[in-house]
Protein backbone atom coordinates (compact mmCIF):
# COMPACT_ATOMS: atom_id res chain seq x y z
CA TYR A 1 -16.83 20.10 7.68
CA GLU A 2 -16.66 21.40 4.06
CA LEU A 3 -16.66 19.11 1.16
CA VAL A 4 -13.45 19.77 -0.72
CA PHE A 5 -13.46 16.81 -3.17
CA SER A 6 -15.75 14.00 -4.17
CA ASP A 7 -15.60 11.36 -7.09
CA GLU A 8 -18.72 9.25 -7.61
CA PHE A 9 -17.21 7.82 -10.84
CA GLU A 10 -20.45 8.34 -12.68
CA VAL A 11 -19.21 9.08 -16.13
CA PRO A 12 -18.75 5.82 -18.01
CA GLY A 13 -15.66 5.14 -20.10
CA ARG A 14 -13.12 7.04 -17.96
CA THR A 15 -9.63 5.82 -18.32
CA PHE A 16 -6.70 6.70 -16.15
CA ASP A 17 -3.68 6.52 -18.31
CA ASP A 18 -0.94 9.09 -17.25
CA GLY A 19 -2.40 12.53 -18.20
CA HIS A 20 -6.14 11.38 -18.97
CA ASP A 21 -7.58 12.37 -15.62
CA PRO A 22 -7.11 15.30 -13.59
CA VAL A 23 -6.96 13.64 -10.18
CA TRP A 24 -6.20 9.93 -10.73
CA THR A 25 -3.33 7.91 -12.45
CA ALA A 26 -3.33 4.17 -13.28
CA ILE A 27 0.22 3.05 -12.71
CA VAL A 28 2.09 0.47 -14.80
CA GLY A 29 5.08 -1.96 -14.21
CA ALA A 30 6.01 -4.77 -12.09
CA PRO A 31 6.35 -3.93 -8.29
CA THR A 32 9.17 -5.10 -6.28
CA THR A 33 7.84 -4.71 -2.85
CA ASN A 34 5.77 -7.14 -0.67
CA GLU A 35 6.62 -10.16 -2.76
CA GLN A 36 3.97 -9.35 -5.34
CA TYR A 37 3.32 -11.70 -8.07
CA ASN A 38 1.34 -9.25 -10.32
CA VAL A 39 2.17 -6.63 -12.88
CA TYR A 40 0.01 -3.36 -12.81
CA ASN A 41 -1.95 -2.92 -16.01
CA LYS A 42 -3.43 0.61 -16.54
CA SER A 43 -6.23 -0.84 -18.90
CA LEU A 44 -7.78 -2.55 -16.07
CA ALA A 45 -8.94 0.50 -14.33
CA TYR A 46 -12.05 2.22 -15.80
CA THR A 47 -15.58 3.30 -15.10
CA LYS A 48 -18.73 1.51 -15.99
CA ASN A 49 -22.29 1.71 -14.62
CA GLY A 50 -21.52 4.49 -12.19
CA LYS A 51 -18.60 2.61 -10.63
CA LEU A 52 -14.81 2.70 -10.80
CA ILE A 53 -13.78 -0.92 -11.71
CA LEU A 54 -10.28 -2.19 -10.83
CA GLU A 55 -9.93 -5.61 -12.47
CA THR A 56 -7.52 -8.45 -11.65
CA THR A 57 -6.79 -11.20 -14.33
CA SER A 58 -4.65 -14.28 -14.25
CA GLU A 59 -3.41 -13.51 -17.55
CA ASP A 60 0.45 -13.98 -17.86
CA TRP A 61 2.67 -10.97 -18.46
CA THR A 62 6.10 -11.28 -19.81
CA SER A 63 8.80 -8.59 -19.29
CA PRO A 64 10.26 -7.11 -22.45
CA PHE A 65 13.46 -6.40 -20.63
CA ASP A 66 14.52 -9.87 -19.14
CA GLY A 67 11.79 -12.23 -20.23
CA SER A 68 10.46 -13.07 -16.83
CA THR A 69 6.84 -13.55 -16.43
CA ARG A 70 4.09 -12.83 -13.68
CA PRO A 71 0.90 -14.77 -13.58
CA TYR A 72 -1.21 -11.90 -12.69
CA GLN A 73 -2.31 -8.52 -13.87
CA THR A 74 -4.34 -5.79 -11.82
CA ALA A 75 -4.92 -2.14 -11.49
CA MET A 76 -3.93 0.47 -8.87
CA ILE A 77 -4.98 4.42 -9.34
CA GLN A 78 -3.15 7.03 -7.35
CA SER A 79 -3.75 10.72 -6.74
CA TRP A 80 -0.11 11.28 -6.16
CA ASN A 81 0.87 15.01 -6.79
CA LYS A 82 -2.59 15.74 -8.14
CA PHE A 83 -4.86 15.96 -4.92
CA CYS A 84 -3.27 16.73 -1.45
CA PHE A 85 -4.85 17.71 1.77
CA THR A 86 -3.66 18.15 5.29
CA GLY A 87 -6.57 17.02 7.48
CA GLY A 88 -10.37 16.07 7.59
CA TYR A 89 -12.52 13.15 7.11
CA VAL A 90 -12.20 10.58 4.23
CA GLU A 91 -14.89 8.12 3.07
CA ILE A 92 -15.06 5.36 0.56
CA LYS A 93 -17.84 3.02 -0.56
CA ALA A 94 -16.37 -0.28 -2.12
CA ARG A 95 -17.02 -3.91 -2.83
CA MET A 96 -14.02 -6.13 -2.01
CA PRO A 97 -13.15 -8.88 -4.47
CA GLY A 98 -13.21 -12.68 -4.01
CA THR A 99 -14.42 -14.79 -1.14
CA SER A 100 -13.27 -14.68 2.44
CA SER A 101 -11.09 -17.80 2.03
CA GLN A 102 -9.47 -16.74 -1.39
CA ASN A 103 -5.74 -16.44 -0.89
CA GLY A 104 -3.58 -14.05 -2.56
CA LEU A 105 -5.63 -10.70 -2.68
CA TRP A 106 -4.78 -7.57 -0.90
CA PRO A 107 -7.20 -4.72 -1.87
CA ALA A 108 -6.76 -1.46 -0.01
CA PHE A 109 -7.67 2.35 0.13
CA TRP A 110 -4.80 4.11 1.68
CA MET A 111 -3.00 7.48 1.86
CA MET A 112 0.58 8.46 1.68
CA GLY A 113 2.53 11.54 2.49
CA ASN A 114 3.19 13.37 -0.92
CA LEU A 115 7.09 13.01 -0.51
CA GLY A 116 6.77 9.27 -1.41
CA ARG A 117 4.93 7.56 -4.34
CA ALA A 118 3.83 4.10 -3.69
CA THR A 119 5.58 1.36 -5.64
CA PHE A 120 8.25 3.76 -6.71
CA THR A 121 10.74 2.66 -4.27
CA GLY A 122 13.32 5.33 -5.14
CA SER A 123 10.98 7.89 -3.66
CA THR A 124 10.10 5.92 -0.53
CA ASP A 125 13.40 4.42 0.70
CA LYS A 126 14.09 5.89 3.92
CA ILE A 127 11.19 8.29 3.36
CA TRP A 128 8.23 6.00 4.31
CA PRO A 129 6.97 5.58 6.77
CA PHE A 130 8.62 8.24 8.97
CA ASN A 131 6.73 11.09 10.22
CA TYR A 132 8.82 12.44 13.22
CA ASP A 133 10.86 15.65 13.52
CA GLN A 134 13.96 14.48 15.48
CA CYS A 135 17.70 13.58 14.89
CA PRO A 136 17.70 9.78 15.06
CA GLY A 137 20.30 8.11 17.53
CA LYS A 138 21.77 4.78 17.43
CA SER A 139 18.81 3.19 19.38
CA ASN A 140 16.52 4.58 16.77
CA ARG A 141 18.66 2.97 13.91
CA ARG A 142 18.71 -0.51 15.68
CA ALA A 143 14.91 -0.39 16.41
CA ASN A 144 13.83 0.65 12.85
CA GLN A 145 13.69 -2.02 10.17
CA PHE A 146 13.69 0.65 7.34
CA GLY A 147 16.98 2.28 8.14
CA THR A 148 17.53 5.92 9.23
CA GLN A 149 15.21 8.59 8.30
CA GLU A 150 16.57 10.39 5.21
CA ILE A 151 15.18 13.82 5.98
CA ASN A 152 15.87 14.16 9.48
CA ALA A 153 16.29 16.92 12.09
CA CYS A 154 20.05 16.62 12.34
CA GLU A 155 22.11 19.70 11.75
CA ASP A 156 19.02 22.07 12.43
CA ALA A 157 17.01 20.53 9.49
CA GLU A 158 13.41 19.74 9.69
CA GLY A 159 12.38 16.15 9.92
CA ARG A 160 10.19 14.88 7.21
CA GLY A 161 8.74 11.78 5.58
CA ALA A 162 5.82 10.02 3.89
CA PRO A 163 3.51 8.41 6.51
CA GLU A 164 0.94 5.84 5.57
CA ILE A 165 -2.60 5.85 6.67
CA ASP A 166 -4.66 2.68 5.78
CA ILE A 167 -8.33 3.59 5.66
CA ILE A 168 -9.12 -0.09 4.93
CA GLU A 169 -7.15 -3.01 3.76
CA THR A 170 -8.47 -6.59 3.59
CA MET A 171 -6.67 -9.86 3.12
CA PRO A 172 -8.84 -12.99 2.50
CA GLY A 173 -7.43 -16.45 2.77
CA THR A 174 -6.63 -19.17 5.33
CA TYR A 175 -3.14 -18.40 6.40
CA GLU A 176 -2.08 -18.13 9.99
CA TYR A 177 1.22 -16.47 11.04
CA ASP A 178 3.01 -18.78 13.34
CA TYR A 179 5.44 -16.76 15.46
CA GLN A 180 6.24 -19.77 17.61
CA ALA A 181 7.78 -21.39 14.66
CA LYS A 182 10.29 -18.57 14.33
CA ILE A 183 11.21 -18.90 17.93
CA ASP A 184 11.65 -22.69 17.71
CA ALA A 185 13.83 -21.95 14.58
CA GLY A 186 16.04 -19.51 16.64
CA THR A 187 15.23 -16.45 14.30
CA CYS A 188 12.93 -14.66 16.83
CA PRO A 189 13.10 -14.13 20.62
CA PRO A 190 10.93 -16.05 22.99
CA ALA A 191 7.37 -14.50 23.85
CA SER A 192 4.88 -14.94 26.51
CA ASP A 193 1.53 -16.68 25.66
CA GLU A 194 -0.08 -13.34 26.16
CA THR A 195 2.16 -11.70 23.56
CA LEU A 196 1.75 -14.56 21.14
CA ALA A 197 -2.04 -14.19 21.36
CA ARG A 198 -1.65 -10.55 20.78
CA ILE A 199 0.42 -10.75 17.54
CA ALA A 200 -1.33 -13.63 16.16
CA THR A 201 -2.52 -12.69 12.81
CA ARG A 202 -5.02 -14.85 10.88
CA GLN A 203 -6.76 -14.46 7.48
CA PRO A 204 -9.29 -13.36 6.58
CA PHE A 205 -8.70 -10.07 8.34
CA VAL A 206 -9.72 -6.24 7.78
CA CYS A 207 -7.94 -3.55 9.36
CA THR A 208 -7.13 0.22 9.38
CA SER A 209 -3.65 1.54 10.52
CA VAL A 210 -1.10 4.20 10.46
CA GLN A 211 2.35 3.58 9.70
């Protein structure tokens, strides 16, 4: 394989405000997905001592639009529309924050098809996480919690989407997902003991996935 891109973050004092860097952009704003309590702050992404630093603080943020507050600020950088590739190997060396029992963190390194941009829901609704080229039928619509693929293969068109590949994501904490409680409440169908064991999710966990 031929190396086509590498960033060691060796230059100190780099900032990632929109337009400051040829590859990375630190996003801003209050995300509305995944029940997040944080706001993204571009000043919390920078380089120091040969490393990329992505900070999280417990400093309150108040919306200038509606006066609502969020108790955490953090950083996310993206290469959206700046660096794209279609295949190969991807590697990262990173130190994850917090301790294994610390709740509330979800650090990750992941990729998404360029048709969608993470946290910008107008670009991802019914685009993420689709990656098939077919005309969806009624059974597809019933089975998919994200709705019908917006750019599909109906009417001789080509199906396109923005799949997600999670290289690594971690979630420390002590939470254990209780599917049996949902069965008992009548919100989910019964499942065998074998199935319950397979879908049991406990923190802390580390995973890779394709969505």
